[in-house]
Amino acid sequence: MKKKKINKILKLRKITNYSIILCKEALIKNNFDINKTLKYLIHKEDIKNININKLNNGLVYSKLNKNKTLGHIIELKVKYEDVANNIIIFKILKKIINISIINKCNNINDIYKSKFNKNKNIKDILLENNIKFKDTIKISNFKKLNSDYIFNYNHYNNKISSLIGFKIKKNNNIIKRIIKYISLDIIGNNKLNNKNIKFLNKYYNNNNIDPILLKRIGLNINKYLYYFKYIIIYNYYIINI
């Protein structure tokens, strides 16, 4: 075998950490074109259909449109904790969710097909990073929420994220302040994280509301109940990895 071809095998081995035999076979199938071979290998890796439930680490992020009427939340799952905590992976996730908002994606397949840059779609970018980080990186969860007004929260460790949607009959700064603290209360209170929208609306629309929450909002119970009659909790998604 010519030295040029041997060097390509060694180069591919260094990039992918795959065996010499696999690199050689893949290059032969792709006429020793490195770029074509890389694409071949990452798709070959992808068709293994790795069970997402076996990916024990991850990160999550949520994003709103400018009007705060559309929100997306995306969860990435990976094998290794150091990959989940890598700033490069987090930046990729932030760009992916920006693209999904702009394109108004409806599901994970829509996201995978969306362009990450001029030459590659999101699926190809994630597959390339599978090789780069020697890990498996998958979009494991995607939710979208449309409502009159949405509050979203992203915890600094990228392990907790939320979208909470409200229907509002009256739009002013006091109502937005109430929405902010109610949202934070729902996120932080496991008793309220039961996805029972009727229960939540009843809970916040009676005089048994937590006085500490009222103090944070800066309203007495009468003023709070007056303003809350203009608010209905519509739906919410909280992902806690």
C-alpha atoms as a PDB file:
ATOM      1  CA  MET A   1       0.000   0.000   0.000  1.00  0.00           C
ATOM      2  CA  LYS A   2       1.278   3.483  -0.898  1.00  0.00           C
ATOM      3  CA  LYS A   3       2.590   5.727   1.884  1.00  0.00           C
ATOM      4  CA  LYS A   4      -0.067   8.389   1.090  1.00  0.00           C
ATOM      5  CA  LYS A   5      -2.871   5.903   1.762  1.00  0.00           C
ATOM      6  CA  ILE A   6      -1.194   4.641   4.942  1.00  0.00           C
ATOM      7  CA  ASN A   7      -0.944   8.234   6.194  1.00  0.00           C
ATOM      8  CA  LYS A   8      -4.675   8.725   5.559  1.00  0.00           C
ATOM      9  CA  ILE A   9      -5.469   5.590   7.567  1.00  0.00           C
ATOM     10  CA  LEU A  10      -3.345   6.875  10.453  1.00  0.00           C
ATOM     11  CA  LYS A  11      -4.925  10.340  10.205  1.00  0.00           C
ATOM     12  CA  LEU A  12      -8.428   8.878  10.310  1.00  0.00           C
ATOM     13  CA  ARG A  13      -7.441   6.689  13.240  1.00  0.00           C
ATOM     14  CA  LYS A  14      -6.203   9.791  15.123  1.00  0.00           C
ATOM     15  CA  ILE A  15      -9.394  11.766  14.389  1.00  0.00           C
ATOM     16  CA  THR A  16     -11.877   9.023  15.253  1.00  0.00           C
ATOM     17  CA  ASN A  17      -9.996   6.707  17.622  1.00  0.00           C
ATOM     18  CA  TYR A  18     -11.483   3.815  15.622  1.00  0.00           C
ATOM     19  CA  SER A  19      -9.418   0.689  14.904  1.00  0.00           C
ATOM     20  CA  ILE A  20      -6.880   0.634  12.062  1.00  0.00           C
ATOM     21  CA  ILE A  21      -8.876  -2.128  10.333  1.00  0.00           C
ATOM     22  CA  LEU A  22     -12.165  -0.177  10.485  1.00  0.00           C
ATOM     23  CA  CYS A  23     -10.450   3.002   9.228  1.00  0.00           C
ATOM     24  CA  LYS A  24      -8.825   1.107   6.362  1.00  0.00           C
ATOM     25  CA  GLU A  25     -12.103  -0.593   5.319  1.00  0.00           C
ATOM     26  CA  ALA A  26     -14.035   2.692   5.508  1.00  0.00           C
ATOM     27  CA  LEU A  27     -11.412   4.542   3.424  1.00  0.00           C
ATOM     28  CA  ILE A  28     -11.379   1.807   0.773  1.00  0.00           C
ATOM     29  CA  LYS A  29     -15.188   2.025   0.489  1.00  0.00           C
ATOM     30  CA  ASN A  30     -14.912   5.798   0.013  1.00  0.00           C
ATOM     31  CA  ASN A  31     -11.905   5.918  -2.358  1.00  0.00           C
ATOM     32  CA  PHE A  32      -9.640   7.254   0.400  1.00  0.00           C
ATOM     33  CA  ASP A  33     -11.577  10.533   0.586  1.00  0.00           C
ATOM     34  CA  ILE A  34     -11.217  11.628   4.255  1.00  0.00           C
ATOM     35  CA  ASN A  35     -14.328  13.855   4.334  1.00  0.00           C
ATOM     36  CA  LYS A  36     -16.576  11.256   2.693  1.00  0.00           C
ATOM     37  CA  THR A  37     -15.188   8.573   4.994  1.00  0.00           C
ATOM     38  CA  LEU A  38     -15.853  10.675   8.104  1.00  0.00           C
ATOM     39  CA  LYS A  39     -19.453  11.192   7.003  1.00  0.00           C
ATOM     40  CA  TYR A  40     -19.781   7.465   6.307  1.00  0.00           C
ATOM     41  CA  LEU A  41     -18.396   6.554   9.731  1.00  0.00           C
ATOM     42  CA  ILE A  42     -20.545   8.975  11.731  1.00  0.00           C
ATOM     43  CA  HIS A  43     -23.691   7.690  10.029  1.00  0.00           C
ATOM     44  CA  LYS A  44     -22.510   4.116  10.575  1.00  0.00           C
ATOM     45  CA  GLU A  45     -22.091   5.028  14.266  1.00  0.00           C
ATOM     46  CA  ASP A  46     -25.555   6.563  14.378  1.00  0.00           C
ATOM     47  CA  ILE A  47     -27.391   3.487  13.042  1.00  0.00           C
ATOM     48  CA  LYS A  48     -26.367   1.520  16.100  1.00  0.00           C
ATOM     49  CA  ASN A  49     -29.584   2.958  17.599  1.00  0.00           C
ATOM     50  CA  ILE A  50     -28.166   3.479  21.063  1.00  0.00           C
ATOM     51  CA  ASN A  51     -30.890   3.426  23.718  1.00  0.00           C
ATOM     52  CA  ILE A  52     -31.312   6.979  25.064  1.00  0.00           C
ATOM     53  CA  ASN A  53     -32.237   5.517  28.455  1.00  0.00           C
ATOM     54  CA  LYS A  54     -28.620   4.295  28.741  1.00  0.00           C
ATOM     55  CA  LEU A  55     -27.312   7.851  28.385  1.00  0.00           C
ATOM     56  CA  ASN A  56     -27.046   8.934  32.009  1.00  0.00           C
ATOM     57  CA  ASN A  57     -25.823  12.519  31.668  1.00  0.00           C
ATOM     58  CA  GLY A  58     -27.090  15.562  29.859  1.00  0.00           C
ATOM     59  CA  LEU A  59     -27.973  19.213  29.723  1.00  0.00           C
ATOM     60  CA  VAL A  60     -31.105  21.201  29.002  1.00  0.00           C
ATOM     61  CA  TYR A  61     -31.960  24.706  27.822  1.00  0.00           C
ATOM     62  CA  SER A  62     -35.082  26.747  27.086  1.00  0.00           C
ATOM     63  CA  LYS A  63     -35.584  29.796  24.874  1.00  0.00           C
ATOM     64  CA  LEU A  64     -38.424  32.216  24.030  1.00  0.00           C
ATOM     65  CA  ASN A  65     -39.188  34.267  20.948  1.00  0.00           C
ATOM     66  CA  LYS A  66     -39.031  38.082  21.282  1.00  0.00           C
ATOM     67  CA  ASN A  67     -42.735  38.381  22.133  1.00  0.00           C
ATOM     68  CA  LYS A  68     -42.512  35.640  24.819  1.00  0.00           C
ATOM     69  CA  THR A  69     -45.422  33.856  23.159  1.00  0.00           C
ATOM     70  CA  LEU A  70     -43.468  30.843  21.809  1.00  0.00           C
ATOM     71  CA  GLY A  71     -41.015  28.774  23.819  1.00  0.00           C
ATOM     72  CA  HIS A  72     -38.865  25.743  23.072  1.00  0.00           C
ATOM     73  CA  ILE A  73     -37.046  23.476  25.506  1.00  0.00           C
ATOM     74  CA  ILE A  74     -34.403  20.951  24.375  1.00  0.00           C
ATOM     75  CA  GLU A  75     -32.639  18.244  26.348  1.00  0.00           C
ATOM     76  CA  LEU A  76     -29.385  16.658  25.151  1.00  0.00           C
ATOM     77  CA  LYS A  77     -28.307  13.318  26.584  1.00  0.00           C
ATOM     78  CA  VAL A  78     -24.724  11.993  26.579  1.00  0.00           C
ATOM     79  CA  LYS A  79     -22.811   9.101  28.159  1.00  0.00           C
ATOM     80  CA  TYR A  80     -20.139  10.999  30.048  1.00  0.00           C
ATOM     81  CA  GLU A  81     -20.446  13.752  32.657  1.00  0.00           C
ATOM     82  CA  ASP A  82     -17.421  15.722  31.451  1.00  0.00           C
ATOM     83  CA  VAL A  83     -18.979  15.959  27.972  1.00  0.00           C
ATOM     84  CA  ALA A  84     -22.292  17.165  29.445  1.00  0.00           C
ATOM     85  CA  ASN A  85     -20.366  19.870  31.317  1.00  0.00           C
ATOM     86  CA  ASN A  86     -18.279  20.925  28.312  1.00  0.00           C
ATOM     87  CA  ILE A  87     -18.825  24.562  27.259  1.00  0.00           C
ATOM     88  CA  ILE A  88     -18.589  23.611  23.559  1.00  0.00           C
ATOM     89  CA  ILE A  89     -21.561  21.238  23.862  1.00  0.00           C
ATOM     90  CA  PHE A  90     -23.521  23.907  25.743  1.00  0.00           C
ATOM     91  CA  LYS A  91     -22.824  26.471  22.994  1.00  0.00           C
ATOM     92  CA  ILE A  92     -23.982  23.954  20.383  1.00  0.00           C
ATOM     93  CA  LEU A  93     -27.212  23.391  22.351  1.00  0.00           C
ATOM     94  CA  LYS A  94     -27.854  27.156  22.578  1.00  0.00           C
ATOM     95  CA  LYS A  95     -27.369  27.528  18.827  1.00  0.00           C
ATOM     96  CA  ILE A  96     -29.642  24.544  18.134  1.00  0.00           C
ATOM     97  CA  ILE A  97     -32.462  26.024  20.210  1.00  0.00           C
ATOM     98  CA  ASN A  98     -32.068  29.405  18.500  1.00  0.00           C
ATOM     99  CA  ILE A  99     -32.422  27.649  15.143  1.00  0.00           C
ATOM    100  CA  SER A 100     -35.457  25.662  16.337  1.00  0.00           C
ATOM    101  CA  ILE A 101     -37.198  28.871  17.486  1.00  0.00           C
ATOM    102  CA  ILE A 102     -36.441  30.684  14.219  1.00  0.00           C
ATOM    103  CA  ASN A 103     -37.637  27.708  12.139  1.00  0.00           C
ATOM    104  CA  LYS A 104     -40.628  27.056  14.444  1.00  0.00           C
ATOM    105  CA  CYS A 105     -39.745  23.362  14.621  1.00  0.00           C
ATOM    106  CA  ASN A 106     -42.519  21.017  15.756  1.00  0.00           C
ATOM    107  CA  ASN A 107     -40.530  17.900  16.658  1.00  0.00           C
ATOM    108  CA  ILE A 108     -37.034  16.408  16.991  1.00  0.00           C
ATOM    109  CA  ASN A 109     -36.904  15.349  13.328  1.00  0.00           C
ATOM    110  CA  ASP A 110     -37.551  18.950  12.273  1.00  0.00           C
ATOM    111  CA  ILE A 111     -34.618  20.033  14.443  1.00  0.00           C
ATOM    112  CA  TYR A 112     -32.258  17.372  13.062  1.00  0.00           C
ATOM    113  CA  LYS A 113     -33.070  18.428   9.487  1.00  0.00           C
ATOM    114  CA  SER A 114     -32.524  22.153  10.157  1.00  0.00           C
ATOM    115  CA  LYS A 115     -29.327  23.763   8.909  1.00  0.00           C
ATOM    116  CA  PHE A 116     -26.671  24.378  11.562  1.00  0.00           C
ATOM    117  CA  ASN A 117     -24.535  26.242   9.026  1.00  0.00           C
ATOM    118  CA  LYS A 118     -24.322  26.529   5.236  1.00  0.00           C
ATOM    119  CA  ASN A 119     -22.887  23.046   4.733  1.00  0.00           C
ATOM    120  CA  LYS A 120     -24.281  20.897   7.529  1.00  0.00           C
ATOM    121  CA  ASN A 121     -27.541  20.181   9.278  1.00  0.00           C
ATOM    122  CA  ILE A 122     -27.921  19.743  13.035  1.00  0.00           C
ATOM    123  CA  LYS A 123     -27.851  15.949  12.872  1.00  0.00           C
ATOM    124  CA  ASP A 124     -24.472  15.966  11.096  1.00  0.00           C
ATOM    125  CA  ILE A 125     -23.037  18.434  13.635  1.00  0.00           C
ATOM    126  CA  LEU A 126     -24.071  16.222  16.551  1.00  0.00           C
ATOM    127  CA  LEU A 127     -22.714  13.116  14.837  1.00  0.00           C
ATOM    128  CA  GLU A 128     -19.371  14.832  14.210  1.00  0.00           C
ATOM    129  CA  ASN A 129     -19.193  15.743  17.892  1.00  0.00           C
ATOM    130  CA  ASN A 130     -19.884  12.095  18.743  1.00  0.00           C
ATOM    131  CA  ILE A 131     -16.502  11.372  17.198  1.00  0.00           C
ATOM    132  CA  LYS A 132     -14.781  14.481  18.541  1.00  0.00           C
ATOM    133  CA  PHE A 133     -15.775  13.760  22.155  1.00  0.00           C
ATOM    134  CA  LYS A 134     -15.854   9.961  21.773  1.00  0.00           C
ATOM    135  CA  ASP A 135     -19.385   9.973  23.168  1.00  0.00           C
ATOM    136  CA  THR A 136     -22.984   9.649  22.010  1.00  0.00           C
ATOM    137  CA  ILE A 137     -24.880  12.950  21.825  1.00  0.00           C
ATOM    138  CA  LYS A 138     -28.637  12.772  21.221  1.00  0.00           C
ATOM    139  CA  ILE A 139     -31.595  15.135  21.434  1.00  0.00           C
ATOM    140  CA  SER A 140     -33.629  13.190  23.981  1.00  0.00           C
ATOM    141  CA  ASN A 141     -36.475  15.609  24.654  1.00  0.00           C
ATOM    142  CA  PHE A 142     -38.124  18.529  22.884  1.00  0.00           C
ATOM    143  CA  LYS A 143     -41.154  20.527  23.940  1.00  0.00           C
ATOM    144  CA  LYS A 144     -42.745  23.645  22.531  1.00  0.00           C
ATOM    145  CA  LEU A 145     -45.260  25.946  24.149  1.00  0.00           C
ATOM    146  CA  ASN A 146     -47.487  28.665  22.661  1.00  0.00           C
ATOM    147  CA  SER A 147     -49.329  31.026  24.976  1.00  0.00           C
ATOM    148  CA  ASP A 148     -50.168  34.689  25.637  1.00  0.00           C
ATOM    149  CA  TYR A 149     -47.138  35.052  27.885  1.00  0.00           C
ATOM    150  CA  ILE A 150     -44.387  32.561  28.787  1.00  0.00           C
ATOM    151  CA  PHE A 151     -41.871  32.624  31.614  1.00  0.00           C
ATOM    152  CA  ASN A 152     -38.764  30.491  31.108  1.00  0.00           C
ATOM    153  CA  TYR A 153     -36.017  29.638  33.565  1.00  0.00           C
ATOM    154  CA  ASN A 154     -32.569  28.111  33.057  1.00  0.00           C
ATOM    155  CA  HIS A 155     -30.558  27.048  36.087  1.00  0.00           C
ATOM    156  CA  TYR A 156     -26.860  27.957  35.991  1.00  0.00           C
ATOM    157  CA  ASN A 157     -25.746  24.290  35.984  1.00  0.00           C
ATOM    158  CA  ASN A 158     -27.767  23.524  32.805  1.00  0.00           C
ATOM    159  CA  LYS A 159     -29.599  20.686  34.575  1.00  0.00           C
ATOM    160  CA  ILE A 160     -32.957  22.415  35.222  1.00  0.00           C
ATOM    161  CA  SER A 161     -34.988  24.298  32.653  1.00  0.00           C
ATOM    162  CA  SER A 162     -38.620  25.290  32.262  1.00  0.00           C
ATOM    163  CA  LEU A 163     -41.371  26.830  30.162  1.00  0.00           C
ATOM    164  CA  ILE A 164     -44.522  28.027  31.928  1.00  0.00           C
ATOM    165  CA  GLY A 165     -47.320  29.486  29.815  1.00  0.00           C
ATOM    166  CA  PHE A 166     -50.096  31.833  30.938  1.00  0.00           C
ATOM    167  CA  LYS A 167     -53.287  33.168  29.427  1.00  0.00           C
ATOM    168  CA  ILE A 168     -53.627  36.797  30.509  1.00  0.00           C
ATOM    169  CA  LYS A 169     -56.676  39.046  30.126  1.00  0.00           C
ATOM    170  CA  LYS A 170     -54.860  42.144  31.324  1.00  0.00           C
ATOM    171  CA  ASN A 171     -51.221  42.856  30.494  1.00  0.00           C
ATOM    172  CA  ASN A 172     -49.330  45.082  32.909  1.00  0.00           C
ATOM    173  CA  ASN A 173     -46.106  45.057  34.954  1.00  0.00           C
ATOM    174  CA  ILE A 174     -47.780  43.906  38.188  1.00  0.00           C
ATOM    175  CA  ILE A 175     -49.237  40.853  36.456  1.00  0.00           C
ATOM    176  CA  LYS A 176     -45.835  40.087  34.897  1.00  0.00           C
ATOM    177  CA  ARG A 177     -44.242  40.329  38.353  1.00  0.00           C
ATOM    178  CA  ILE A 178     -46.849  37.939  39.766  1.00  0.00           C
ATOM    179  CA  ILE A 179     -46.212  35.542  36.855  1.00  0.00           C
ATOM    180  CA  LYS A 180     -42.462  35.611  37.532  1.00  0.00           C
ATOM    181  CA  TYR A 181     -42.802  34.613  41.202  1.00  0.00           C
ATOM    182  CA  ILE A 182     -45.539  32.048  40.581  1.00  0.00           C
ATOM    183  CA  SER A 183     -43.308  30.462  37.920  1.00  0.00           C
ATOM    184  CA  LEU A 184     -40.338  30.296  40.288  1.00  0.00           C
ATOM    185  CA  ASP A 185     -42.616  28.850  42.985  1.00  0.00           C
ATOM    186  CA  ILE A 186     -43.829  26.088  40.636  1.00  0.00           C
ATOM    187  CA  ILE A 187     -40.255  25.258  39.549  1.00  0.00           C
ATOM    188  CA  GLY A 188     -38.961  25.074  43.115  1.00  0.00           C
ATOM    189  CA  ASN A 189     -41.922  23.316  44.741  1.00  0.00           C
ATOM    190  CA  ASN A 190     -42.147  19.563  44.114  1.00  0.00           C
ATOM    191  CA  LYS A 191     -45.718  19.492  45.445  1.00  0.00           C
ATOM    192  CA  LEU A 192     -46.779  21.748  42.575  1.00  0.00           C
ATOM    193  CA  ASN A 193     -44.823  19.913  39.871  1.00  0.00           C
ATOM    194  CA  ASN A 194     -47.608  17.417  39.244  1.00  0.00           C
ATOM    195  CA  LYS A 195     -48.736  18.662  35.818  1.00  0.00           C
ATOM    196  CA  ASN A 196     -52.264  19.228  37.173  1.00  0.00           C
ATOM    197  CA  ILE A 197     -53.200  22.579  35.649  1.00  0.00           C
ATOM    198  CA  LYS A 198     -56.620  22.698  37.374  1.00  0.00           C
ATOM    199  CA  PHE A 199     -54.968  22.159  40.751  1.00  0.00           C
ATOM    200  CA  LEU A 200     -52.425  24.930  40.102  1.00  0.00           C
ATOM    201  CA  ASN A 201     -55.047  27.475  39.049  1.00  0.00           C
ATOM    202  CA  LYS A 202     -57.167  26.642  42.100  1.00  0.00           C
ATOM    203  CA  TYR A 203     -54.128  26.789  44.401  1.00  0.00           C
ATOM    204  CA  TYR A 204     -53.063  30.256  43.274  1.00  0.00           C
ATOM    205  CA  ASN A 205     -56.611  31.607  43.100  1.00  0.00           C
ATOM    206  CA  ASN A 206     -57.503  31.192  46.787  1.00  0.00           C
ATOM    207  CA  ASN A 207     -56.527  32.737  50.100  1.00  0.00           C
ATOM    208  CA  ASN A 208     -54.327  29.793  51.144  1.00  0.00           C
ATOM    209  CA  ILE A 209     -51.422  31.064  49.038  1.00  0.00           C
ATOM    210  CA  ASP A 210     -48.000  31.027  50.697  1.00  0.00           C
ATOM    211  CA  PRO A 211     -47.539  34.382  52.544  1.00  0.00           C
ATOM    212  CA  ILE A 212     -43.807  34.306  51.719  1.00  0.00           C
ATOM    213  CA  LEU A 213     -44.705  34.300  48.024  1.00  0.00           C
ATOM    214  CA  LEU A 214     -47.025  37.282  48.589  1.00  0.00           C
ATOM    215  CA  LYS A 215     -44.234  39.099  50.376  1.00  0.00           C
ATOM    216  CA  ARG A 216     -41.897  38.491  47.428  1.00  0.00           C
ATOM    217  CA  ILE A 217     -44.521  39.815  45.025  1.00  0.00           C
ATOM    218  CA  GLY A 218     -45.108  42.836  47.278  1.00  0.00           C
ATOM    219  CA  LEU A 219     -48.909  42.589  47.387  1.00  0.00           C
ATOM    220  CA  ASN A 220     -51.469  41.882  50.083  1.00  0.00           C
ATOM    221  CA  ILE A 221     -53.951  39.026  49.575  1.00  0.00           C
ATOM    222  CA  ASN A 222     -56.790  41.250  48.354  1.00  0.00           C
ATOM    223  CA  LYS A 223     -54.693  42.949  45.687  1.00  0.00           C
ATOM    224  CA  TYR A 224     -53.165  39.619  44.682  1.00  0.00           C
ATOM    225  CA  LEU A 225     -56.570  37.960  44.195  1.00  0.00           C
ATOM    226  CA  TYR A 226     -57.728  40.977  42.210  1.00  0.00           C
ATOM    227  CA  TYR A 227     -54.851  40.678  39.768  1.00  0.00           C
ATOM    228  CA  PHE A 228     -54.827  36.893  39.628  1.00  0.00           C
ATOM    229  CA  LYS A 229     -58.367  36.820  38.218  1.00  0.00           C
ATOM    230  CA  TYR A 230     -56.743  38.040  34.989  1.00  0.00           C
ATOM    231  CA  ILE A 231     -54.256  35.138  34.938  1.00  0.00           C
ATOM    232  CA  ILE A 232     -54.764  31.497  33.952  1.00  0.00           C
ATOM    233  CA  ILE A 233     -51.889  28.994  34.036  1.00  0.00           C
ATOM    234  CA  TYR A 234     -52.124  27.394  30.604  1.00  0.00           C
ATOM    235  CA  ASN A 235     -49.417  24.712  30.500  1.00  0.00           C
ATOM    236  CA  TYR A 236     -45.860  24.048  31.608  1.00  0.00           C
ATOM    237  CA  TYR A 237     -42.802  21.881  31.073  1.00  0.00           C
ATOM    238  CA  ILE A 238     -40.069  21.447  33.662  1.00  0.00           C
ATOM    239  CA  ILE A 239     -37.070  19.239  32.853  1.00  0.00           C
ATOM    240  CA  ASN A 240     -34.821  18.331  35.764  1.00  0.00           C
ATOM    241  CA  ILE A 241     -31.884  16.113  34.779  1.00  0.00           C
END
